[in-house]
Amino acid sequence: MHEFLQLSFVFEAVTALALLVLLYIYLRNIKKIKCHFTIGLVVFAALLFLNSVGTLYTHSCMAAAYQSELVTYEMVTAVLKLAAIGALLYITWKGS
């Protein structure tokens, strides 16, 4: 497996873990704050988590088929997604 693909796999796995933490916080907040916005955050985090799991599965099954240009793209998108989810997790964690 190309080293960038391995790194993107790691970044995607960390993103999935961060999304699980967000889901936990949002589900805990539903008990306190019963509003549509909180339910929307749960749906958002759950769908992004499913996307991350699907990406991890794709990376593990199709690693040999990836071309070098695609590997770089996957690495960049994994880093950007982790940065975005990390910022959301930081703000959510401080606010709860």
Protein backbone atom coordinates (compact mmCIF):
# COMPACT_ATOMS: atom_id res chain seq x y z
CA MET A 1 0.00 0.00 0.00
CA HIS A 2 1.30 3.46 -0.88
CA GLU A 3 2.44 5.42 2.21
CA PHE A 4 0.05 8.32 1.46
CA LEU A 5 -2.82 5.85 1.28
CA GLN A 6 -1.76 4.42 4.63
CA LEU A 7 -1.69 7.93 6.10
CA SER A 8 -5.09 8.75 4.65
CA PHE A 9 -6.38 5.49 6.18
CA VAL A 10 -5.07 6.62 9.59
CA PHE A 11 -6.56 10.12 9.19
CA GLU A 12 -9.89 8.59 8.16
CA ALA A 13 -9.85 6.26 11.18
CA VAL A 14 -9.16 9.20 13.52
CA THR A 15 -12.01 11.09 11.83
CA ALA A 16 -14.34 8.14 12.46
CA LEU A 17 -13.36 8.11 16.13
CA ALA A 18 -13.91 11.87 16.41
CA LEU A 19 -17.33 11.45 14.83
CA LEU A 20 -18.20 8.78 17.40
CA VAL A 21 -17.28 11.24 20.16
CA LEU A 22 -19.45 13.90 18.48
CA LEU A 23 -22.32 11.42 18.25
CA TYR A 24 -21.99 10.66 21.95
CA ILE A 25 -22.07 14.35 22.86
CA TYR A 26 -24.99 15.10 20.54
CA LEU A 27 -27.00 12.11 21.79
CA ARG A 28 -26.34 13.19 25.38
CA ASN A 29 -27.49 16.71 24.46
CA ILE A 30 -30.76 15.41 23.00
CA LYS A 31 -31.82 14.45 26.54
CA LYS A 32 -31.17 18.02 27.72
CA ILE A 33 -32.16 20.01 24.64
CA LYS A 34 -35.11 18.62 22.77
CA CYS A 35 -34.98 20.55 19.50
CA HIS A 36 -34.76 19.79 15.80
CA PHE A 37 -31.28 21.30 15.53
CA THR A 38 -29.81 18.75 17.94
CA ILE A 39 -31.48 15.90 16.07
CA GLY A 40 -30.05 17.32 12.84
CA LEU A 41 -26.56 17.27 14.38
CA VAL A 42 -27.00 13.59 15.28
CA VAL A 43 -28.07 12.77 11.72
CA PHE A 44 -25.17 14.82 10.31
CA ALA A 45 -22.56 13.10 12.50
CA ALA A 46 -24.04 9.65 11.87
CA LEU A 47 -24.01 10.07 8.09
CA LEU A 48 -20.44 11.39 8.12
CA PHE A 49 -19.45 8.45 10.31
CA LEU A 50 -20.96 6.04 7.77
CA ASN A 51 -19.06 7.87 5.04
CA SER A 52 -15.80 7.45 6.96
CA VAL A 53 -16.43 3.75 7.54
CA GLY A 54 -17.20 3.31 3.84
CA THR A 55 -14.00 5.13 2.91
CA LEU A 56 -11.98 2.92 5.26
CA TYR A 57 -13.53 -0.17 3.69
CA THR A 58 -12.77 1.11 0.19
CA HIS A 59 -9.17 1.90 1.10
CA SER A 60 -8.64 -1.56 2.53
CA CYS A 61 -10.27 -3.45 -0.35
CA MET A 62 -9.09 -1.44 -3.34
CA ALA A 63 -5.64 -0.22 -2.30
CA ALA A 64 -3.93 -2.00 -5.19
CA ALA A 65 -6.20 -0.31 -7.74
CA TYR A 66 -5.43 3.26 -6.66
CA GLN A 67 -3.26 5.33 -8.99
CA SER A 68 -0.73 7.75 -7.52
CA GLU A 69 -2.79 10.83 -8.46
CA LEU A 70 -5.81 9.44 -6.66
CA VAL A 71 -3.75 8.58 -3.59
CA THR A 72 -2.66 12.21 -3.24
CA TYR A 73 -6.27 13.36 -3.59
CA GLU A 74 -7.42 10.87 -0.94
CA MET A 75 -4.69 12.05 1.41
CA VAL A 76 -5.64 15.73 1.00
CA THR A 77 -9.37 15.09 1.45
CA ALA A 78 -8.74 12.95 4.54
CA VAL A 79 -6.63 15.70 6.13
CA LEU A 80 -9.20 18.39 5.31
CA LYS A 81 -12.08 16.29 6.63
CA LEU A 82 -10.18 15.55 9.85
CA ALA A 83 -9.40 19.26 10.29
CA ALA A 84 -13.06 20.20 9.81
CA ILE A 85 -14.37 17.51 12.17
CA GLY A 86 -11.61 18.32 14.66
CA ALA A 87 -12.66 21.98 14.73
CA LEU A 88 -16.30 20.98 15.20
CA LEU A 89 -15.34 18.55 17.98
CA TYR A 90 -13.24 21.22 19.73
CA ILE A 91 -16.07 23.76 19.65
CA THR A 92 -18.64 21.18 20.72
CA TRP A 93 -16.45 19.87 23.54
CA LYS A 94 -15.84 23.38 24.92
CA GLY A 95 -19.53 24.22 24.74
CA SER A 96 -20.83 21.16 26.51
